[in-house]
Amino acid sequence: MLPKGPVKRLAVDATLRAAAPYQKLRREKDIQKTRKVFVEKTDMRAKRMARKAGALMVRMLDSISQKA
């Protein structure tokens, strides 16, 4: 997900996928040719942590009366 504020838990896989399409263009702009992967601030993605689901209790009663 796109972060709202500072990134606390970086999602490395999603960040690299966001940066991948721009690598060729960013390499051409690089003068020093020192880095292999270029990641900018706009590429950063944060991990979405799932909350624990609450327990759901279902009670079912069978109340069919039988007449003899």
PDB file of N, CA and C in Angstrom:
ATOM      1  N   MET A   1       0.831  -1.181   0.000  1.00  0.00           N
ATOM      2  CA  MET A   1       0.000   0.000   0.000  1.00  0.00           C
ATOM      3  C   MET A   1       0.872   1.239   0.000  1.00  0.00           C
ATOM      4  N   LEU A   2       0.357   2.330  -0.504  1.00  0.00           N
ATOM      5  CA  LEU A   2       1.088   3.590  -0.466  1.00  0.00           C
ATOM      6  C   LEU A   2       1.061   4.118   0.963  1.00  0.00           C
ATOM      7  N   PRO A   3       2.194   4.518   1.488  1.00  0.00           N
ATOM      8  CA  PRO A   3       2.236   4.976   2.880  1.00  0.00           C
ATOM      9  C   PRO A   3       1.602   6.341   3.051  1.00  0.00           C
ATOM     10  N   LYS A   4       0.996   6.533   4.213  1.00  0.00           N
ATOM     11  CA  LYS A   4       0.462   7.839   4.598  1.00  0.00           C
ATOM     12  C   LYS A   4       1.358   8.353   5.714  1.00  0.00           C
ATOM     13  N   GLY A   5       2.438   9.011   5.351  1.00  0.00           N
ATOM     14  CA  GLY A   5       3.415   9.470   6.323  1.00  0.00           C
ATOM     15  C   GLY A   5       4.684   8.650   6.203  1.00  0.00           C
ATOM     16  N   PRO A   6       5.512   8.643   7.258  1.00  0.00           N
ATOM     17  CA  PRO A   6       6.781   7.908   7.191  1.00  0.00           C
ATOM     18  C   PRO A   6       6.549   6.393   7.148  1.00  0.00           C
ATOM     19  N   VAL A   7       7.422   5.701   6.418  1.00  0.00           N
ATOM     20  CA  VAL A   7       7.308   4.245   6.282  1.00  0.00           C
ATOM     21  C   VAL A   7       7.933   3.595   7.502  1.00  0.00           C
ATOM     22  N   LYS A   8       7.137   2.837   8.255  1.00  0.00           N
ATOM     23  CA  LYS A   8       7.648   2.158   9.446  1.00  0.00           C
ATOM     24  C   LYS A   8       8.062   0.729   9.114  1.00  0.00           C
ATOM     25  N   ARG A   9       7.272   0.048   8.309  1.00  0.00           N
ATOM     26  CA  ARG A   9       7.595  -1.331   7.907  1.00  0.00           C
ATOM     27  C   ARG A   9       7.609  -1.363   6.389  1.00  0.00           C
ATOM     28  N   LEU A  10       8.799  -1.384   5.828  1.00  0.00           N
ATOM     29  CA  LEU A  10       8.973  -1.337   4.383  1.00  0.00           C
ATOM     30  C   LEU A  10       8.637  -2.686   3.754  1.00  0.00           C
ATOM     31  N   ALA A  11       7.799  -2.648   2.740  1.00  0.00           N
ATOM     32  CA  ALA A  11       7.486  -3.840   1.960  1.00  0.00           C
ATOM     33  C   ALA A  11       8.480  -3.878   0.802  1.00  0.00           C
ATOM     34  N   VAL A  12       9.555  -4.619   0.975  1.00  0.00           N
ATOM     35  CA  VAL A  12      10.655  -4.630   0.014  1.00  0.00           C
ATOM     36  C   VAL A  12      10.188  -5.125  -1.348  1.00  0.00           C
ATOM     37  N   ASP A  13       9.419  -6.191  -1.381  1.00  0.00           N
ATOM     38  CA  ASP A  13       8.975  -6.742  -2.657  1.00  0.00           C
ATOM     39  C   ASP A  13       8.097  -5.758  -3.431  1.00  0.00           C
ATOM     40  N   ALA A  14       7.162  -5.138  -2.766  1.00  0.00           N
ATOM     41  CA  ALA A  14       6.275  -4.180  -3.428  1.00  0.00           C
ATOM     42  C   ALA A  14       7.042  -2.920  -3.853  1.00  0.00           C
ATOM     43  N   THR A  15       8.014  -2.509  -3.057  1.00  0.00           N
ATOM     44  CA  THR A  15       8.830  -1.341  -3.391  1.00  0.00           C
ATOM     45  C   THR A  15       9.649  -1.607  -4.647  1.00  0.00           C
ATOM     46  N   LEU A  16      10.257  -2.781  -4.742  1.00  0.00           N
ATOM     47  CA  LEU A  16      11.041  -3.118  -5.933  1.00  0.00           C
ATOM     48  C   LEU A  16      10.164  -3.248  -7.174  1.00  0.00           C
ATOM     49  N   ARG A  17       8.955  -3.783  -7.004  1.00  0.00           N
ATOM     50  CA  ARG A  17       8.039  -3.858  -8.144  1.00  0.00           C
ATOM     51  C   ARG A  17       7.623  -2.469  -8.611  1.00  0.00           C
ATOM     52  N   ALA A  18       7.456  -1.537  -7.687  1.00  0.00           N
ATOM     53  CA  ALA A  18       7.084  -0.169  -8.054  1.00  0.00           C
ATOM     54  C   ALA A  18       8.234   0.543  -8.752  1.00  0.00           C
ATOM     55  N   ALA A  19       9.470   0.239  -8.386  1.00  0.00           N
ATOM     56  CA  ALA A  19      10.644   0.899  -8.964  1.00  0.00           C
ATOM     57  C   ALA A  19      11.101   0.260 -10.272  1.00  0.00           C
ATOM     58  N   ALA A  20      10.734  -0.974 -10.514  1.00  0.00           N
ATOM     59  CA  ALA A  20      11.239  -1.732 -11.671  1.00  0.00           C
ATOM     60  C   ALA A  20      11.007  -1.066 -13.028  1.00  0.00           C
ATOM     61  N   PRO A  21       9.839  -0.544 -13.320  1.00  0.00           N
ATOM     62  CA  PRO A  21       9.630   0.019 -14.661  1.00  0.00           C
ATOM     63  C   PRO A  21      10.508   1.227 -14.985  1.00  0.00           C
ATOM     64  N   TYR A  22      11.072   1.873 -13.980  1.00  0.00           N
ATOM     65  CA  TYR A  22      11.830   3.104 -14.181  1.00  0.00           C
ATOM     66  C   TYR A  22      13.345   2.902 -14.147  1.00  0.00           C
ATOM     67  N   GLN A  23      13.814   1.667 -14.016  1.00  0.00           N
ATOM     68  CA  GLN A  23      15.244   1.414 -13.845  1.00  0.00           C
ATOM     69  C   GLN A  23      16.082   1.857 -15.036  1.00  0.00           C
ATOM     70  N   LYS A  24      15.638   1.586 -16.236  1.00  0.00           N
ATOM     71  CA  LYS A  24      16.413   1.957 -17.417  1.00  0.00           C
ATOM     72  C   LYS A  24      16.581   3.476 -17.498  1.00  0.00           C
ATOM     73  N   LEU A  25      15.517   4.209 -17.284  1.00  0.00           N
ATOM     74  CA  LEU A  25      15.562   5.669 -17.323  1.00  0.00           C
ATOM     75  C   LEU A  25      16.464   6.224 -16.214  1.00  0.00           C
ATOM     76  N   ARG A  26      16.373   5.657 -15.025  1.00  0.00           N
ATOM     77  CA  ARG A  26      17.180   6.138 -13.898  1.00  0.00           C
ATOM     78  C   ARG A  26      18.658   5.809 -14.087  1.00  0.00           C
ATOM     79  N   ARG A  27      18.971   4.683 -14.711  1.00  0.00           N
ATOM     80  CA  ARG A  27      20.379   4.352 -14.984  1.00  0.00           C
ATOM     81  C   ARG A  27      20.990   5.325 -15.982  1.00  0.00           C
ATOM     82  N   GLU A  28      20.211   5.744 -16.973  1.00  0.00           N
ATOM     83  CA  GLU A  28      20.705   6.694 -17.971  1.00  0.00           C
ATOM     84  C   GLU A  28      21.009   8.052 -17.346  1.00  0.00           C
ATOM     85  N   LYS A  29      20.263   8.435 -16.310  1.00  0.00           N
ATOM     86  CA  LYS A  29      20.477   9.717 -15.638  1.00  0.00           C
ATOM     87  C   LYS A  29      21.648   9.667 -14.656  1.00  0.00           C
ATOM     88  N   ASP A  30      22.043   8.466 -14.233  1.00  0.00           N
ATOM     89  CA  ASP A  30      23.116   8.304 -13.244  1.00  0.00           C
ATOM     90  C   ASP A  30      24.471   8.617 -13.869  1.00  0.00           C
ATOM     91  N   ILE A  31      25.177   9.555 -13.263  1.00  0.00           N
ATOM     92  CA  ILE A  31      26.488   9.957 -13.778  1.00  0.00           C
ATOM     93  C   ILE A  31      27.593   9.022 -13.273  1.00  0.00           C
ATOM     94  N   GLN A  32      27.550   8.673 -11.995  1.00  0.00           N
ATOM     95  CA  GLN A  32      28.635   7.906 -11.377  1.00  0.00           C
ATOM     96  C   GLN A  32      28.595   6.412 -11.713  1.00  0.00           C
ATOM     97  N   LYS A  33      27.460   5.897 -12.101  1.00  0.00           N
ATOM     98  CA  LYS A  33      27.304   4.470 -12.433  1.00  0.00           C
ATOM     99  C   LYS A  33      27.723   3.557 -11.282  1.00  0.00           C
ATOM    100  N   THR A  34      27.302   3.914 -10.078  1.00  0.00           N
ATOM    101  CA  THR A  34      27.706   3.131  -8.905  1.00  0.00           C
ATOM    102  C   THR A  34      26.591   2.218  -8.393  1.00  0.00           C
ATOM    103  N   ARG A  35      25.366   2.599  -8.586  1.00  0.00           N
ATOM    104  CA  ARG A  35      24.259   1.802  -8.035  1.00  0.00           C
ATOM    105  C   ARG A  35      23.684   0.869  -9.082  1.00  0.00           C
ATOM    106  N   LYS A  36      23.183  -0.261  -8.606  1.00  0.00           N
ATOM    107  CA  LYS A  36      22.563  -1.229  -9.508  1.00  0.00           C
ATOM    108  C   LYS A  36      21.048  -1.086  -9.533  1.00  0.00           C
ATOM    109  N   VAL A  37      20.472  -0.701  -8.402  1.00  0.00           N
ATOM    110  CA  VAL A  37      19.027  -0.533  -8.297  1.00  0.00           C
ATOM    111  C   VAL A  37      18.742   0.868  -7.788  1.00  0.00           C
ATOM    112  N   PHE A  38      17.842   1.552  -8.463  1.00  0.00           N
ATOM    113  CA  PHE A  38      17.483   2.910  -8.087  1.00  0.00           C
ATOM    114  C   PHE A  38      16.072   2.917  -7.510  1.00  0.00           C
ATOM    115  N   VAL A  39      15.969   3.271  -6.232  1.00  0.00           N
ATOM    116  CA  VAL A  39      14.678   3.353  -5.556  1.00  0.00           C
ATOM    117  C   VAL A  39      14.520   4.777  -5.052  1.00  0.00           C
ATOM    118  N   GLU A  40      13.429   5.410  -5.448  1.00  0.00           N
ATOM    119  CA  GLU A  40      13.151   6.771  -5.002  1.00  0.00           C
ATOM    120  C   GLU A  40      12.062   6.754  -3.943  1.00  0.00           C
ATOM    121  N   LYS A  41      11.865   7.881  -3.316  1.00  0.00           N
ATOM    122  CA  LYS A  41      10.898   7.980  -2.233  1.00  0.00           C
ATOM    123  C   LYS A  41       9.481   7.643  -2.702  1.00  0.00           C
ATOM    124  N   THR A  42       9.174   7.987  -3.938  1.00  0.00           N
ATOM    125  CA  THR A  42       7.828   7.712  -4.460  1.00  0.00           C
ATOM    126  C   THR A  42       7.587   6.226  -4.708  1.00  0.00           C
ATOM    127  N   ASP A  43       8.643   5.429  -4.728  1.00  0.00           N
ATOM    128  CA  ASP A  43       8.515   3.984  -4.927  1.00  0.00           C
ATOM    129  C   ASP A  43       8.223   3.240  -3.628  1.00  0.00           C
ATOM    130  N   MET A  44       8.452   3.872  -2.500  1.00  0.00           N
ATOM    131  CA  MET A  44       8.329   3.205  -1.202  1.00  0.00           C
ATOM    132  C   MET A  44       6.906   2.719  -0.957  1.00  0.00           C
ATOM    133  N   ARG A  45       6.809   1.486  -0.498  1.00  0.00           N
ATOM    134  CA  ARG A  45       5.531   0.889  -0.145  1.00  0.00           C
ATOM    135  C   ARG A  45       5.617   0.365   1.276  1.00  0.00           C
ATOM    136  N   ALA A  46       4.524   0.480   2.008  1.00  0.00           N
ATOM    137  CA  ALA A  46       4.471   0.037   3.401  1.00  0.00           C
ATOM    138  C   ALA A  46       3.720  -1.282   3.488  1.00  0.00           C
ATOM    139  N   LYS A  47       4.089  -2.072   4.476  1.00  0.00           N
ATOM    140  CA  LYS A  47       3.386  -3.329   4.703  1.00  0.00           C
ATOM    141  C   LYS A  47       2.055  -3.044   5.364  1.00  0.00           C
ATOM    142  N   ARG A  48       1.049  -3.756   4.939  1.00  0.00           N
ATOM    143  CA  ARG A  48      -0.253  -3.663   5.594  1.00  0.00           C
ATOM    144  C   ARG A  48      -0.347  -4.860   6.523  1.00  0.00           C
ATOM    145  N   MET A  49      -0.402  -4.568   7.788  1.00  0.00           N
ATOM    146  CA  MET A  49      -0.454  -5.629   8.778  1.00  0.00           C
ATOM    147  C   MET A  49      -1.910  -6.021   9.026  1.00  0.00           C
ATOM    148  N   ALA A  50      -2.179  -7.302   8.958  1.00  0.00           N
ATOM    149  CA  ALA A  50      -3.538  -7.792   9.181  1.00  0.00           C
ATOM    150  C   ALA A  50      -3.797  -7.906  10.676  1.00  0.00           C
ATOM    151  N   ARG A  51      -4.978  -7.526  11.048  1.00  0.00           N
ATOM    152  CA  ARG A  51      -5.362  -7.673  12.451  1.00  0.00           C
ATOM    153  C   ARG A  51      -5.897  -9.077  12.677  1.00  0.00           C
ATOM    154  N   LYS A  52      -5.812  -9.510  13.924  1.00  0.00           N
ATOM    155  CA  LYS A  52      -6.389 -10.792  14.257  1.00  0.00           C
ATOM    156  C   LYS A  52      -7.908 -10.674  14.184  1.00  0.00           C
ATOM    157  N   ALA A  53      -8.511 -11.656  13.605  1.00  0.00           N
ATOM    158  CA  ALA A  53      -9.965 -11.656  13.508  1.00  0.00           C
ATOM    159  C   ALA A  53     -10.555 -12.094  14.844  1.00  0.00           C
ATOM    160  N   GLY A  54     -11.656 -11.499  15.197  1.00  0.00           N
ATOM    161  CA  GLY A  54     -12.330 -11.878  16.434  1.00  0.00           C
ATOM    162  C   GLY A  54     -13.046 -13.207  16.267  1.00  0.00           C
ATOM    163  N   ALA A  55     -13.373 -13.813  17.354  1.00  0.00           N
ATOM    164  CA  ALA A  55     -14.075 -15.091  17.316  1.00  0.00           C
ATOM    165  C   ALA A  55     -15.569 -14.835  17.120  1.00  0.00           C
ATOM    166  N   LEU A  56     -16.194 -15.633  16.315  1.00  0.00           N
ATOM    167  CA  LEU A  56     -17.622 -15.527  16.070  1.00  0.00           C
ATOM    168  C   LEU A  56     -18.281 -16.766  16.639  1.00  0.00           C
ATOM    169  N   MET A  57     -19.208 -16.562  17.529  1.00  0.00           N
ATOM    170  CA  MET A  57     -19.923 -17.678  18.152  1.00  0.00           C
ATOM    171  C   MET A  57     -21.327 -17.727  17.572  1.00  0.00           C
ATOM    172  N   VAL A  58     -21.730 -18.901  17.150  1.00  0.00           N
ATOM    173  CA  VAL A  58     -23.078 -19.095  16.621  1.00  0.00           C
ATOM    174  C   VAL A  58     -23.729 -20.205  17.434  1.00  0.00           C
ATOM    175  N   ARG A  59     -24.917 -19.911  17.941  1.00  0.00           N
ATOM    176  CA  ARG A  59     -25.664 -20.906  18.720  1.00  0.00           C
ATOM    177  C   ARG A  59     -26.959 -21.181  17.968  1.00  0.00           C
ATOM    178  N   MET A  60     -27.224 -22.443  17.749  1.00  0.00           N
ATOM    179  CA  MET A  60     -28.426 -22.811  17.025  1.00  0.00           C
ATOM    180  C   MET A  60     -29.226 -23.780  17.880  1.00  0.00           C
ATOM    181  N   LEU A  61     -30.506 -23.510  18.008  1.00  0.00           N
ATOM    182  CA  LEU A  61     -31.386 -24.363  18.809  1.00  0.00           C
ATOM    183  C   LEU A  61     -32.403 -25.021  17.899  1.00  0.00           C
ATOM    184  N   ASP A  62     -32.654 -26.247  18.162  1.00  0.00           N
ATOM    185  CA  ASP A  62     -33.668 -26.984  17.423  1.00  0.00           C
ATOM    186  C   ASP A  62     -34.889 -27.049  18.326  1.00  0.00           C
ATOM    187  N   SER A  63     -35.938 -26.394  17.928  1.00  0.00           N
ATOM    188  CA  SER A  63     -37.121 -26.335  18.792  1.00  0.00           C
ATOM    189  C   SER A  63     -38.362 -26.850  18.085  1.00  0.00           C
ATOM    190  N   ILE A  64     -38.214 -27.951  17.379  1.00  0.00           N
ATOM    191  CA  ILE A  64     -39.374 -28.553  16.700  1.00  0.00           C
ATOM    192  C   ILE A  64     -40.075 -29.461  17.699  1.00  0.00           C
ATOM    193  N   SER A  65     -41.347 -29.196  17.886  1.00  0.00           N
ATOM    194  CA  SER A  65     -42.106 -30.047  18.834  1.00  0.00           C
ATOM    195  C   SER A  65     -42.713 -31.215  18.075  1.00  0.00           C
ATOM    196  N   GLN A  66     -42.786 -32.345  18.723  1.00  0.00           N
ATOM    197  CA  GLN A  66     -43.360 -33.528  18.111  1.00  0.00           C
ATOM    198  C   GLN A  66     -44.642 -33.905  18.847  1.00  0.00           C
ATOM    199  N   LYS A  67     -45.675 -34.134  18.094  1.00  0.00           N
ATOM    200  CA  LYS A  67     -46.947 -34.563  18.690  1.00  0.00           C
ATOM    201  C   LYS A  67     -47.130 -36.061  18.438  1.00  0.00           C
ATOM    202  N   ALA A  68     -47.532 -36.733  19.446  1.00  0.00           N
ATOM    203  CA  ALA A  68     -47.700 -38.172  19.305  1.00  0.00           C
ATOM    204  C   ALA A  68     -49.113 -38.567  18.989  1.00  0.00           C
TER     205      ALA A  68
END
